[in-house]
Amino acid sequence: MKTNKENLPLDQILLEDSLQLLSNLPDECVDLVVSSPPYNLGKEYESRQALEIYLKEQTAVLLECSRILKNTGSLFWQVGAFSDRGMLIPLDIAVLSWVQYSNSSE
């Protein structure tokens, strides 16, 4: 169920699946989004995914972040690089390219 702007939780830390939480927030309801998603390095606290799957998931979250952000708001997205067999791919560029590709194929 979507939260309306009058009942937004304030001064709270919410522990929930980010995509599920974001999808329940109304459009243009926040001034600032700060995100530091998993870097997808395969460390013991995360499972490494194929780059395409990771990009799809991050794109979905970023699109929701953009939807809930006020026109005057800011989004800070701290992300690293994807490493595979000596190749290093900056994830900020990869995700932006993926978003542009996904939007052009609709």
C-alpha atoms as a PDB file:
ATOM      1  CA  MET A   1       0.000   0.000   0.000  1.00  0.00           C
ATOM      2  CA  LYS A   2       1.359   3.424  -0.991  1.00  0.00           C
ATOM      3  CA  THR A   3       2.182   5.904   1.732  1.00  0.00           C
ATOM      4  CA  ASN A   4       0.692   9.345   1.193  1.00  0.00           C
ATOM      5  CA  LYS A   5       2.758  12.505   1.614  1.00  0.00           C
ATOM      6  CA  GLU A   6       1.025  13.417   4.877  1.00  0.00           C
ATOM      7  CA  ASN A   7       1.994  10.110   6.535  1.00  0.00           C
ATOM      8  CA  LEU A   8       5.634   9.816   5.496  1.00  0.00           C
ATOM      9  CA  PRO A   9       7.882   8.410   8.231  1.00  0.00           C
ATOM     10  CA  LEU A  10      10.235  11.121   9.531  1.00  0.00           C
ATOM     11  CA  ASP A  11      13.414  10.771  11.581  1.00  0.00           C
ATOM     12  CA  GLN A  12      13.387   6.993  11.311  1.00  0.00           C
ATOM     13  CA  ILE A  13      15.655   4.295   9.971  1.00  0.00           C
ATOM     14  CA  LEU A  14      13.661   1.818   7.929  1.00  0.00           C
ATOM     15  CA  LEU A  15      15.040  -1.677   7.431  1.00  0.00           C
ATOM     16  CA  GLU A  16      13.318  -3.070   4.380  1.00  0.00           C
ATOM     17  CA  ASP A  17      13.978  -4.184   0.828  1.00  0.00           C
ATOM     18  CA  SER A  18      14.884  -0.909  -0.883  1.00  0.00           C
ATOM     19  CA  LEU A  19      12.867  -1.482  -4.041  1.00  0.00           C
ATOM     20  CA  GLN A  20       9.781  -2.478  -2.057  1.00  0.00           C
ATOM     21  CA  LEU A  21      10.137   0.531   0.262  1.00  0.00           C
ATOM     22  CA  LEU A  22      10.694   2.967  -2.601  1.00  0.00           C
ATOM     23  CA  SER A  23       7.753   1.651  -4.600  1.00  0.00           C
ATOM     24  CA  ASN A  24       5.434   2.437  -1.666  1.00  0.00           C
ATOM     25  CA  LEU A  25       6.472   6.091  -1.475  1.00  0.00           C
ATOM     26  CA  PRO A  26       4.573   8.795  -3.385  1.00  0.00           C
ATOM     27  CA  ASP A  27       6.047  10.728  -6.305  1.00  0.00           C
ATOM     28  CA  GLU A  28       8.253  13.733  -5.537  1.00  0.00           C
ATOM     29  CA  CYS A  29       8.188  13.310  -1.746  1.00  0.00           C
ATOM     30  CA  VAL A  30      11.870  13.523  -0.715  1.00  0.00           C
ATOM     31  CA  ASP A  31      14.527  16.207  -0.921  1.00  0.00           C
ATOM     32  CA  LEU A  32      17.580  13.955  -0.760  1.00  0.00           C
ATOM     33  CA  VAL A  33      18.468  10.377  -1.650  1.00  0.00           C
ATOM     34  CA  VAL A  34      21.790   8.969  -0.438  1.00  0.00           C
ATOM     35  CA  SER A  35      22.602   5.463  -1.611  1.00  0.00           C
ATOM     36  CA  SER A  36      25.611   3.188  -1.373  1.00  0.00           C
ATOM     37  CA  PRO A  37      24.509  -0.069  -2.969  1.00  0.00           C
ATOM     38  CA  PRO A  38      26.487  -3.319  -2.801  1.00  0.00           C
ATOM     39  CA  TYR A  39      29.462  -3.155  -5.150  1.00  0.00           C
ATOM     40  CA  ASN A  40      28.839  -6.696  -6.418  1.00  0.00           C
ATOM     41  CA  LEU A  41      32.372  -7.853  -5.628  1.00  0.00           C
ATOM     42  CA  GLY A  42      31.345 -11.238  -4.212  1.00  0.00           C
ATOM     43  CA  LYS A  43      32.482 -10.495  -0.657  1.00  0.00           C
ATOM     44  CA  GLU A  44      31.314 -12.789   2.127  1.00  0.00           C
ATOM     45  CA  TYR A  45      28.341 -10.527   2.959  1.00  0.00           C
ATOM     46  CA  GLU A  46      27.036 -10.364  -0.630  1.00  0.00           C
ATOM     47  CA  SER A  47      26.554 -12.725  -3.536  1.00  0.00           C
ATOM     48  CA  ARG A  48      28.171 -11.724  -6.803  1.00  0.00           C
ATOM     49  CA  GLN A  49      25.812 -11.456  -9.761  1.00  0.00           C
ATOM     50  CA  ALA A  50      26.318 -11.268 -13.497  1.00  0.00           C
ATOM     51  CA  LEU A  51      26.874  -7.661 -14.524  1.00  0.00           C
ATOM     52  CA  GLU A  52      23.663  -7.519 -16.580  1.00  0.00           C
ATOM     53  CA  ILE A  53      21.537  -8.671 -13.618  1.00  0.00           C
ATOM     54  CA  TYR A  54      23.260  -6.197 -11.291  1.00  0.00           C
ATOM     55  CA  LEU A  55      22.698  -3.353 -13.764  1.00  0.00           C
ATOM     56  CA  LYS A  56      19.010  -4.230 -14.129  1.00  0.00           C
ATOM     57  CA  GLU A  57      18.527  -4.257 -10.357  1.00  0.00           C
ATOM     58  CA  GLN A  58      20.390  -0.980  -9.831  1.00  0.00           C
ATOM     59  CA  THR A  59      18.471   0.639 -12.685  1.00  0.00           C
ATOM     60  CA  ALA A  60      15.150  -0.317 -11.083  1.00  0.00           C
ATOM     61  CA  VAL A  61      16.224   1.184  -7.748  1.00  0.00           C
ATOM     62  CA  LEU A  62      17.584   4.372  -9.354  1.00  0.00           C
ATOM     63  CA  LEU A  63      14.414   4.876 -11.379  1.00  0.00           C
ATOM     64  CA  GLU A  64      12.368   4.634  -8.163  1.00  0.00           C
ATOM     65  CA  CYS A  65      14.774   7.049  -6.430  1.00  0.00           C
ATOM     66  CA  SER A  66      14.301   9.467  -9.292  1.00  0.00           C
ATOM     67  CA  ARG A  67      10.518   9.119  -9.120  1.00  0.00           C
ATOM     68  CA  ILE A  68      10.309   9.950  -5.410  1.00  0.00           C
ATOM     69  CA  LEU A  69      12.815  12.820  -5.619  1.00  0.00           C
ATOM     70  CA  LYS A  70      11.415  16.348  -5.701  1.00  0.00           C
ATOM     71  CA  ASN A  71      12.356  18.438  -8.755  1.00  0.00           C
ATOM     72  CA  THR A  72      14.546  20.530  -6.458  1.00  0.00           C
ATOM     73  CA  GLY A  73      16.107  17.462  -4.800  1.00  0.00           C
ATOM     74  CA  SER A  74      19.496  15.786  -5.046  1.00  0.00           C
ATOM     75  CA  LEU A  75      20.604  12.183  -5.446  1.00  0.00           C
ATOM     76  CA  PHE A  76      23.999  10.993  -4.168  1.00  0.00           C
ATOM     77  CA  TRP A  77      24.842   7.512  -5.410  1.00  0.00           C
ATOM     78  CA  GLN A  78      28.124   6.045  -4.155  1.00  0.00           C
ATOM     79  CA  VAL A  79      29.139   3.085  -6.269  1.00  0.00           C
ATOM     80  CA  GLY A  80      32.397   1.430  -7.232  1.00  0.00           C
ATOM     81  CA  ALA A  81      33.569  -0.507 -10.252  1.00  0.00           C
ATOM     82  CA  PHE A  82      32.876  -4.014 -11.540  1.00  0.00           C
ATOM     83  CA  SER A  83      35.952  -6.182 -12.001  1.00  0.00           C
ATOM     84  CA  ASP A  84      35.996  -9.269 -14.189  1.00  0.00           C
ATOM     85  CA  ARG A  85      39.120 -11.070 -15.444  1.00  0.00           C
ATOM     86  CA  GLY A  86      41.232  -7.923 -15.251  1.00  0.00           C
ATOM     87  CA  MET A  87      38.625  -5.655 -16.836  1.00  0.00           C
ATOM     88  CA  LEU A  88      37.406  -2.741 -14.687  1.00  0.00           C
ATOM     89  CA  ILE A  89      34.000  -1.194 -15.513  1.00  0.00           C
ATOM     90  CA  PRO A  90      32.971   1.998 -13.648  1.00  0.00           C
ATOM     91  CA  LEU A  91      29.454   1.176 -12.444  1.00  0.00           C
ATOM     92  CA  ASP A  92      28.179   4.744 -12.487  1.00  0.00           C
ATOM     93  CA  ILE A  93      28.825   4.914 -16.236  1.00  0.00           C
ATOM     94  CA  ALA A  94      27.588   1.356 -16.816  1.00  0.00           C
ATOM     95  CA  VAL A  95      24.274   1.965 -15.028  1.00  0.00           C
ATOM     96  CA  LEU A  96      23.655   5.293 -16.768  1.00  0.00           C
ATOM     97  CA  SER A  97      24.321   3.613 -20.113  1.00  0.00           C
ATOM     98  CA  TRP A  98      21.992   0.759 -19.141  1.00  0.00           C
ATOM     99  CA  VAL A  99      19.205   3.218 -18.190  1.00  0.00           C
ATOM    100  CA  GLN A 100      19.573   5.023 -21.518  1.00  0.00           C
ATOM    101  CA  TYR A 101      19.555   1.699 -23.403  1.00  0.00           C
ATOM    102  CA  SER A 102      16.528   0.421 -21.456  1.00  0.00           C
ATOM    103  CA  ASN A 103      14.563   3.616 -22.102  1.00  0.00           C
ATOM    104  CA  SER A 104      15.381   3.607 -25.814  1.00  0.00           C
ATOM    105  CA  SER A 105      14.174   0.026 -26.293  1.00  0.00           C
ATOM    106  CA  GLU A 106      10.690   0.637 -24.839  1.00  0.00           C
END
